[in-house]
Amino acid sequence: MKKTTLLAILVCCSLGFVQRAQAQENYTEGPVWEVNYYRTKPGKFDDYLKYLRANYAKSVAKQKQAGIIVDSKVLLNPAVNGPEDWDVAICYLYSDFGRLNYNQATEDQMQKITAEISGERNKEKRDAKNDATRFPLRDYIRTRYLREVTLKP
């Protein structure tokens, strides 16, 4: 009975591996996008983009330089379909899913970057100031993680 159960488990595991291997015969996995979707509050779209220009752009440049991210984009949705839809997406490109895992060294780099940009060394004060500035401008909708793939010839 134990041998039969063990054999059944091995067969199931190997079938799962075969399906995954077959799926990847068509493509090669690439980097990972983290996409954060936001909806600006009425009349606050321009203010939010000014906030992004003053803070986000500087932060992204330093994150790229430090090797935390590969790239970043800001996307605008020109066809908003109601109050629950997003109008601004902020995207970060990571080399792989492993870069999304919590890492104290990366967290320390991020805190140093935000302190340099804001001029405030105290994390709690800095966070409170940033929250008080951006929260009246937009609402968070969701975050998605997307994997880039390259189709094989």
N, C-alpha and C. Protein backbone atom coordinates (compact mmCIF):
# COMPACT_ATOMS: atom_id res chain seq x y z
N MET A 1 0.82 -1.20 0.00
CA MET A 1 0.00 0.00 0.00
C MET A 1 0.87 1.27 0.00
N LYS A 2 1.93 1.25 0.81
CA LYS A 2 2.82 2.40 0.87
C LYS A 2 3.52 2.61 -0.47
N LYS A 3 3.92 1.52 -1.11
CA LYS A 3 4.59 1.63 -2.40
C LYS A 3 3.65 2.21 -3.45
N THR A 4 2.38 1.81 -3.41
CA THR A 4 1.40 2.32 -4.37
C THR A 4 1.17 3.81 -4.17
N THR A 5 1.05 4.22 -2.92
CA THR A 5 0.84 5.64 -2.61
C THR A 5 2.05 6.46 -3.04
N LEU A 6 3.24 5.97 -2.73
CA LEU A 6 4.45 6.66 -3.12
C LEU A 6 4.57 6.77 -4.64
N LEU A 7 4.24 5.69 -5.33
CA LEU A 7 4.27 5.69 -6.79
C LEU A 7 3.28 6.70 -7.36
N ALA A 8 2.08 6.78 -6.78
CA ALA A 8 1.07 7.73 -7.24
C ALA A 8 1.54 9.17 -7.05
N ILE A 9 2.18 9.44 -5.92
CA ILE A 9 2.71 10.78 -5.66
C ILE A 9 3.80 11.14 -6.67
N LEU A 10 4.69 10.22 -6.92
CA LEU A 10 5.76 10.47 -7.89
C LEU A 10 5.22 10.72 -9.30
N VAL A 11 4.21 9.96 -9.69
CA VAL A 11 3.61 10.15 -11.01
C VAL A 11 2.96 11.53 -11.10
N CYS A 12 2.22 11.91 -10.07
CA CYS A 12 1.56 13.23 -10.08
C CYS A 12 2.59 14.36 -10.15
N CYS A 13 3.65 14.23 -9.36
CA CYS A 13 4.70 15.26 -9.38
C CYS A 13 5.36 15.34 -10.75
N SER A 14 5.64 14.21 -11.34
CA SER A 14 6.30 14.23 -12.64
C SER A 14 5.39 14.78 -13.72
N LEU A 15 4.08 14.54 -13.62
CA LEU A 15 3.15 15.11 -14.60
C LEU A 15 3.12 16.63 -14.49
N GLY A 16 3.15 17.14 -13.27
CA GLY A 16 3.20 18.59 -13.07
C GLY A 16 4.44 19.18 -13.67
N PHE A 17 5.58 18.51 -13.53
CA PHE A 17 6.83 18.98 -14.11
C PHE A 17 6.77 18.95 -15.64
N VAL A 18 6.18 17.90 -16.20
CA VAL A 18 6.08 17.79 -17.65
C VAL A 18 5.22 18.92 -18.21
N GLN A 19 4.10 19.24 -17.54
CA GLN A 19 3.24 20.32 -18.02
C GLN A 19 3.98 21.65 -17.98
N ARG A 20 4.73 21.91 -16.91
CA ARG A 20 5.47 23.16 -16.81
C ARG A 20 6.56 23.21 -17.88
N ALA A 21 7.26 22.12 -18.09
CA ALA A 21 8.31 22.08 -19.10
C ALA A 21 7.72 22.30 -20.50
N GLN A 22 6.56 21.74 -20.76
CA GLN A 22 5.93 21.94 -22.06
C GLN A 22 5.53 23.39 -22.25
N ALA A 23 5.03 24.02 -21.20
CA ALA A 23 4.61 25.42 -21.31
C ALA A 23 5.79 26.32 -21.64
N GLN A 24 6.96 26.02 -21.09
CA GLN A 24 8.12 26.88 -21.31
C GLN A 24 8.87 26.54 -22.59
N GLU A 25 8.44 25.54 -23.31
CA GLU A 25 9.12 25.27 -24.58
C GLU A 25 8.78 26.35 -25.61
N ASN A 26 7.75 27.16 -25.33
CA ASN A 26 7.32 28.20 -26.26
C ASN A 26 7.89 29.58 -25.94
N TYR A 27 8.45 29.75 -24.76
CA TYR A 27 8.94 31.07 -24.37
C TYR A 27 10.08 30.95 -23.35
N THR A 28 10.77 32.07 -23.17
CA THR A 28 11.81 32.20 -22.16
C THR A 28 11.35 33.26 -21.17
N GLU A 29 11.44 32.95 -19.88
CA GLU A 29 11.02 33.90 -18.85
C GLU A 29 11.98 35.08 -18.80
N GLY A 30 11.41 36.25 -18.58
CA GLY A 30 12.20 37.46 -18.50
C GLY A 30 11.98 38.18 -17.18
N PRO A 31 12.18 39.48 -17.16
CA PRO A 31 12.03 40.26 -15.93
C PRO A 31 10.57 40.39 -15.49
N VAL A 32 10.38 40.97 -14.32
CA VAL A 32 9.07 41.06 -13.69
C VAL A 32 8.67 42.52 -13.49
N TRP A 33 7.44 42.85 -13.87
CA TRP A 33 6.89 44.19 -13.66
C TRP A 33 5.98 44.17 -12.43
N GLU A 34 6.15 45.15 -11.57
CA GLU A 34 5.20 45.43 -10.48
C GLU A 34 4.44 46.66 -10.94
N VAL A 35 3.12 46.53 -11.09
CA VAL A 35 2.30 47.64 -11.58
C VAL A 35 1.32 48.03 -10.50
N ASN A 36 1.42 49.28 -10.04
CA ASN A 36 0.54 49.82 -9.02
C ASN A 36 -0.45 50.77 -9.69
N TYR A 37 -1.74 50.50 -9.50
CA TYR A 37 -2.78 51.29 -10.16
C TYR A 37 -3.40 52.26 -9.15
N TYR A 38 -3.58 53.51 -9.62
CA TYR A 38 -4.15 54.57 -8.79
C TYR A 38 -5.23 55.31 -9.54
N ARG A 39 -6.14 55.90 -8.80
CA ARG A 39 -7.18 56.77 -9.35
C ARG A 39 -7.01 58.12 -8.69
N THR A 40 -6.71 59.15 -9.50
CA THR A 40 -6.56 60.48 -8.92
C THR A 40 -7.93 61.00 -8.50
N LYS A 41 -7.93 61.79 -7.47
CA LYS A 41 -9.17 62.38 -6.97
C LYS A 41 -9.59 63.50 -7.92
N PRO A 42 -10.88 63.79 -7.97
CA PRO A 42 -11.38 64.81 -8.91
C PRO A 42 -10.60 66.13 -8.77
N GLY A 43 -10.12 66.62 -9.90
CA GLY A 43 -9.41 67.88 -9.95
C GLY A 43 -7.97 67.81 -9.46
N LYS A 44 -7.47 66.62 -9.13
CA LYS A 44 -6.13 66.50 -8.56
C LYS A 44 -5.11 65.82 -9.49
N PHE A 45 -5.50 65.54 -10.73
CA PHE A 45 -4.62 64.84 -11.66
C PHE A 45 -3.30 65.59 -11.86
N ASP A 46 -3.37 66.87 -12.20
CA ASP A 46 -2.15 67.65 -12.44
C ASP A 46 -1.30 67.76 -11.17
N ASP A 47 -1.95 67.92 -10.02
CA ASP A 47 -1.21 67.99 -8.75
C ASP A 47 -0.48 66.68 -8.48
N TYR A 48 -1.12 65.56 -8.80
CA TYR A 48 -0.48 64.27 -8.56
C TYR A 48 0.73 64.08 -9.49
N LEU A 49 0.60 64.49 -10.75
CA LEU A 49 1.73 64.38 -11.67
C LEU A 49 2.88 65.31 -11.24
N LYS A 50 2.56 66.47 -10.69
CA LYS A 50 3.61 67.35 -10.16
C LYS A 50 4.31 66.68 -8.99
N TYR A 51 3.53 66.01 -8.13
CA TYR A 51 4.11 65.28 -7.00
C TYR A 51 5.05 64.18 -7.52
N LEU A 52 4.60 63.45 -8.52
CA LEU A 52 5.42 62.38 -9.09
C LEU A 52 6.71 62.95 -9.69
N ARG A 53 6.59 64.05 -10.40
CA ARG A 53 7.76 64.66 -11.02
C ARG A 53 8.78 65.09 -9.96
N ALA A 54 8.29 65.62 -8.86
CA ALA A 54 9.18 66.11 -7.81
C ALA A 54 9.79 65.00 -6.97
N ASN A 55 9.09 63.88 -6.80
CA ASN A 55 9.55 62.84 -5.88
C ASN A 55 9.88 61.52 -6.57
N TYR A 56 8.93 61.02 -7.32
CA TYR A 56 9.07 59.72 -7.96
C TYR A 56 10.24 59.69 -8.94
N ALA A 57 10.35 60.69 -9.79
CA ALA A 57 11.39 60.70 -10.82
C ALA A 57 12.78 60.66 -10.19
N LYS A 58 12.99 61.42 -9.13
CA LYS A 58 14.29 61.42 -8.45
C LYS A 58 14.56 60.07 -7.80
N SER A 59 13.55 59.50 -7.17
CA SER A 59 13.69 58.22 -6.49
C SER A 59 14.03 57.11 -7.48
N VAL A 60 13.33 57.09 -8.61
CA VAL A 60 13.56 56.06 -9.63
C VAL A 60 14.99 56.15 -10.17
N ALA A 61 15.46 57.34 -10.41
CA ALA A 61 16.83 57.50 -10.93
C ALA A 61 17.84 56.92 -9.94
N LYS A 62 17.65 57.18 -8.66
CA LYS A 62 18.57 56.67 -7.65
C LYS A 62 18.42 55.15 -7.46
N GLN A 63 17.18 54.63 -7.58
CA GLN A 63 16.98 53.19 -7.47
C GLN A 63 17.65 52.45 -8.63
N LYS A 64 17.57 53.01 -9.83
CA LYS A 64 18.26 52.42 -10.98
C LYS A 64 19.77 52.41 -10.75
N GLN A 65 20.28 53.53 -10.31
CA GLN A 65 21.72 53.67 -10.06
C GLN A 65 22.19 52.67 -9.01
N ALA A 66 21.36 52.40 -8.00
CA ALA A 66 21.71 51.47 -6.93
C ALA A 66 21.48 50.01 -7.32
N GLY A 67 20.84 49.78 -8.48
CA GLY A 67 20.59 48.42 -8.93
C GLY A 67 19.38 47.77 -8.29
N ILE A 68 18.53 48.56 -7.66
CA ILE A 68 17.32 48.01 -7.03
C ILE A 68 16.30 47.65 -8.09
N ILE A 69 16.13 48.53 -9.08
CA ILE A 69 15.21 48.27 -10.19
C ILE A 69 15.97 48.37 -11.50
N VAL A 70 15.39 47.78 -12.54
CA VAL A 70 15.97 47.86 -13.88
C VAL A 70 15.43 49.07 -14.62
N ASP A 71 14.11 49.31 -14.47
CA ASP A 71 13.46 50.41 -15.18
C ASP A 71 12.17 50.76 -14.45
N SER A 72 11.54 51.81 -14.89
CA SER A 72 10.26 52.24 -14.33
C SER A 72 9.50 53.03 -15.38
N LYS A 73 8.19 53.00 -15.27
CA LYS A 73 7.31 53.73 -16.19
C LYS A 73 6.14 54.31 -15.42
N VAL A 74 5.61 55.39 -15.93
CA VAL A 74 4.31 55.91 -15.49
C VAL A 74 3.40 55.81 -16.70
N LEU A 75 2.27 55.13 -16.52
CA LEU A 75 1.31 54.95 -17.61
C LEU A 75 0.02 55.68 -17.27
N LEU A 76 -0.60 56.27 -18.27
CA LEU A 76 -1.89 56.95 -18.09
C LEU A 76 -2.95 56.20 -18.87
N ASN A 77 -4.11 56.07 -18.27
CA ASN A 77 -5.24 55.38 -18.88
C ASN A 77 -6.17 56.43 -19.50
N PRO A 78 -6.19 56.57 -20.82
CA PRO A 78 -7.03 57.59 -21.45
C PRO A 78 -8.50 57.20 -21.53
N ALA A 79 -8.83 55.96 -21.20
CA ALA A 79 -10.21 55.49 -21.33
C ALA A 79 -10.72 54.96 -19.99
N VAL A 80 -10.84 55.85 -19.01
CA VAL A 80 -11.31 55.45 -17.68
C VAL A 80 -12.79 55.07 -17.78
N ASN A 81 -13.11 53.89 -17.23
CA ASN A 81 -14.48 53.37 -17.31
C ASN A 81 -15.15 53.36 -15.94
N GLY A 82 -15.31 54.51 -15.34
CA GLY A 82 -16.02 54.60 -14.08
C GLY A 82 -15.11 54.90 -12.90
N PRO A 83 -15.71 55.13 -11.74
CA PRO A 83 -14.97 55.59 -10.56
C PRO A 83 -14.03 54.53 -9.96
N GLU A 84 -14.20 53.28 -10.28
CA GLU A 84 -13.33 52.23 -9.74
C GLU A 84 -12.17 51.89 -10.66
N ASP A 85 -12.09 52.53 -11.83
CA ASP A 85 -11.02 52.27 -12.78
C ASP A 85 -9.83 53.16 -12.45
N TRP A 86 -8.65 52.78 -12.91
CA TRP A 86 -7.43 53.53 -12.65
C TRP A 86 -7.18 54.55 -13.76
N ASP A 87 -6.45 55.61 -13.41
CA ASP A 87 -6.03 56.56 -14.44
C ASP A 87 -4.51 56.76 -14.47
N VAL A 88 -3.81 56.33 -13.41
CA VAL A 88 -2.35 56.40 -13.38
C VAL A 88 -1.82 55.06 -12.88
N ALA A 89 -0.88 54.49 -13.62
CA ALA A 89 -0.20 53.27 -13.19
C ALA A 89 1.28 53.57 -13.05
N ILE A 90 1.84 53.13 -11.94
CA ILE A 90 3.27 53.31 -11.70
C ILE A 90 3.90 51.92 -11.73
N CYS A 91 4.86 51.74 -12.63
CA CYS A 91 5.42 50.42 -12.90
C CYS A 91 6.91 50.40 -12.59
N TYR A 92 7.33 49.30 -11.96
CA TYR A 92 8.73 49.08 -11.66
C TYR A 92 9.15 47.76 -12.28
N LEU A 93 10.29 47.75 -12.97
CA LEU A 93 10.80 46.54 -13.60
C LEU A 93 11.94 45.98 -12.75
N TYR A 94 11.78 44.71 -12.35
CA TYR A 94 12.78 44.00 -11.55
C TYR A 94 13.38 42.90 -12.42
N SER A 95 14.61 42.56 -12.16
CA SER A 95 15.29 41.55 -12.97
C SER A 95 14.64 40.18 -12.83
N ASP A 96 14.07 39.88 -11.65
CA ASP A 96 13.39 38.60 -11.44
C ASP A 96 12.51 38.69 -10.19
N PHE A 97 11.73 37.64 -9.93
CA PHE A 97 10.83 37.64 -8.78
C PHE A 97 11.60 37.73 -7.46
N GLY A 98 12.83 37.22 -7.44
CA GLY A 98 13.64 37.26 -6.23
C GLY A 98 13.88 38.67 -5.72
N ARG A 99 13.93 39.64 -6.62
CA ARG A 99 14.15 41.04 -6.21
C ARG A 99 12.94 41.64 -5.49
N LEU A 100 11.79 40.97 -5.59
CA LEU A 100 10.58 41.46 -4.90
C LEU A 100 10.54 41.02 -3.44
N ASN A 101 11.32 40.01 -3.08
CA ASN A 101 11.34 39.52 -1.71
C ASN A 101 11.96 40.56 -0.79
N TYR A 102 11.48 40.60 0.45
CA TYR A 102 12.02 41.56 1.42
C TYR A 102 13.49 41.27 1.67
N ASN A 103 14.27 42.32 1.67
CA ASN A 103 15.70 42.22 1.89
C ASN A 103 16.10 43.45 2.69
N GLN A 104 16.67 43.26 3.87
CA GLN A 104 17.01 44.39 4.74
C GLN A 104 18.00 45.34 4.08
N ALA A 105 18.95 44.81 3.33
CA ALA A 105 19.93 45.68 2.67
C ALA A 105 19.25 46.59 1.64
N THR A 106 18.30 46.04 0.88
CA THR A 106 17.56 46.84 -0.09
C THR A 106 16.69 47.87 0.62
N GLU A 107 16.05 47.45 1.71
CA GLU A 107 15.23 48.38 2.50
C GLU A 107 16.08 49.53 3.02
N ASP A 108 17.27 49.24 3.49
CA ASP A 108 18.17 50.29 3.98
C ASP A 108 18.56 51.26 2.85
N GLN A 109 18.81 50.72 1.65
CA GLN A 109 19.12 51.57 0.49
C GLN A 109 17.93 52.47 0.17
N MET A 110 16.72 51.90 0.20
CA MET A 110 15.51 52.68 -0.11
C MET A 110 15.31 53.81 0.92
N GLN A 111 15.52 53.50 2.17
CA GLN A 111 15.37 54.53 3.21
C GLN A 111 16.39 55.65 3.03
N LYS A 112 17.60 55.28 2.64
CA LYS A 112 18.64 56.29 2.39
C LYS A 112 18.24 57.18 1.21
N ILE A 113 17.71 56.57 0.16
CA ILE A 113 17.29 57.32 -1.02
C ILE A 113 16.16 58.29 -0.67
N THR A 114 15.15 57.81 0.03
CA THR A 114 14.02 58.69 0.37
C THR A 114 14.45 59.80 1.32
N ALA A 115 15.39 59.52 2.22
CA ALA A 115 15.90 60.55 3.12
C ALA A 115 16.65 61.63 2.34
N GLU A 116 17.44 61.22 1.35
CA GLU A 116 18.17 62.18 0.53
C GLU A 116 17.22 63.08 -0.24
N ILE A 117 16.17 62.50 -0.80
CA ILE A 117 15.23 63.27 -1.62
C ILE A 117 14.40 64.22 -0.77
N SER A 118 13.90 63.73 0.36
CA SER A 118 13.02 64.55 1.19
C SER A 118 13.78 65.51 2.10
N GLY A 119 15.02 65.17 2.42
CA GLY A 119 15.77 66.00 3.36
C GLY A 119 15.43 65.69 4.81
N GLU A 120 14.55 64.74 5.05
CA GLU A 120 14.13 64.37 6.40
C GLU A 120 14.76 63.02 6.76
N ARG A 121 15.52 62.99 7.85
CA ARG A 121 16.20 61.76 8.27
C ARG A 121 15.30 60.83 9.09
N ASN A 122 14.34 61.39 9.79
CA ASN A 122 13.45 60.59 10.64
C ASN A 122 12.40 59.91 9.77
N LYS A 123 12.39 58.56 9.76
CA LYS A 123 11.50 57.79 8.89
C LYS A 123 10.02 58.09 9.18
N GLU A 124 9.63 58.14 10.42
CA GLU A 124 8.23 58.37 10.77
C GLU A 124 7.75 59.74 10.29
N LYS A 125 8.56 60.76 10.50
CA LYS A 125 8.21 62.11 10.03
C LYS A 125 8.14 62.14 8.51
N ARG A 126 9.12 61.49 7.87
CA ARG A 126 9.18 61.46 6.40
C ARG A 126 7.95 60.76 5.84
N ASP A 127 7.60 59.61 6.41
CA ASP A 127 6.43 58.87 5.94
C ASP A 127 5.15 59.66 6.15
N ALA A 128 5.03 60.31 7.30
CA ALA A 128 3.83 61.10 7.59
C ALA A 128 3.69 62.26 6.61
N LYS A 129 4.81 62.90 6.29
CA LYS A 129 4.79 64.02 5.33
C LYS A 129 4.40 63.53 3.93
N ASN A 130 5.01 62.43 3.49
CA ASN A 130 4.68 61.88 2.17
C ASN A 130 3.22 61.45 2.10
N ASP A 131 2.73 60.80 3.15
CA ASP A 131 1.33 60.36 3.16
C ASP A 131 0.39 61.55 3.13
N ALA A 132 0.72 62.58 3.90
CA ALA A 132 -0.14 63.77 3.94
C ALA A 132 -0.15 64.49 2.59
N THR A 133 0.92 64.36 1.82
CA THR A 133 1.00 65.01 0.52
C THR A 133 0.28 64.22 -0.56
N ARG A 134 0.50 62.91 -0.62
CA ARG A 134 -0.04 62.13 -1.75
C ARG A 134 -1.44 61.57 -1.52
N PHE A 135 -1.81 61.24 -0.28
CA PHE A 135 -3.13 60.63 -0.04
C PHE A 135 -4.30 61.52 -0.46
N PRO A 136 -4.22 62.86 -0.29
CA PRO A 136 -5.33 63.70 -0.77
C PRO A 136 -5.41 63.79 -2.29
N LEU A 137 -4.38 63.30 -2.99
CA LEU A 137 -4.33 63.42 -4.44
C LEU A 137 -4.84 62.18 -5.18
N ARG A 138 -4.73 61.00 -4.57
CA ARG A 138 -5.09 59.78 -5.30
C ARG A 138 -5.51 58.68 -4.33
N ASP A 139 -6.19 57.68 -4.90
CA ASP A 139 -6.58 56.48 -4.16
C ASP A 139 -5.90 55.27 -4.80
N TYR A 140 -5.46 54.37 -3.94
CA TYR A 140 -4.84 53.13 -4.41
C TYR A 140 -5.94 52.18 -4.90
N ILE A 141 -5.73 51.56 -6.06
CA ILE A 141 -6.70 50.60 -6.60
C ILE A 141 -6.21 49.17 -6.40
N ARG A 142 -5.03 48.82 -6.93
CA ARG A 142 -4.51 47.45 -6.82
C ARG A 142 -3.07 47.40 -7.30
N THR A 143 -2.44 46.25 -7.05
CA THR A 143 -1.10 45.98 -7.57
C THR A 143 -1.14 44.66 -8.32
N ARG A 144 -0.47 44.61 -9.44
CA ARG A 144 -0.35 43.39 -10.24
C ARG A 144 1.14 43.12 -10.49
N TYR A 145 1.47 41.83 -10.59
CA TYR A 145 2.82 41.42 -10.94
C TYR A 145 2.74 40.69 -12.27
N LEU A 146 3.54 41.14 -13.22
CA LEU A 146 3.50 40.59 -14.58
C LEU A 146 4.89 40.14 -14.99
N ARG A 147 4.97 38.98 -15.59
CA ARG A 147 6.25 38.45 -16.06
C ARG A 147 6.37 38.68 -17.55
N GLU A 148 7.48 39.28 -17.97
CA GLU A 148 7.77 39.39 -19.40
C GLU A 148 8.25 38.04 -19.90
N VAL A 149 7.87 37.69 -21.12
CA VAL A 149 8.38 36.48 -21.75
C VAL A 149 8.82 36.82 -23.16
N THR A 150 9.77 36.04 -23.65
CA THR A 150 10.22 36.16 -25.03
C THR A 150 9.81 34.88 -25.74
N LEU A 151 9.03 35.02 -26.79
CA LEU A 151 8.60 33.84 -27.54
C LEU A 151 9.79 33.25 -28.29
N LYS A 152 9.88 31.94 -28.25
CA LYS A 152 10.96 31.27 -28.95
C LYS A 152 10.59 31.14 -30.44
N PRO A 153 11.61 31.19 -31.32
CA PRO A 153 11.33 31.10 -32.76
C PRO A 153 10.84 29.71 -33.15
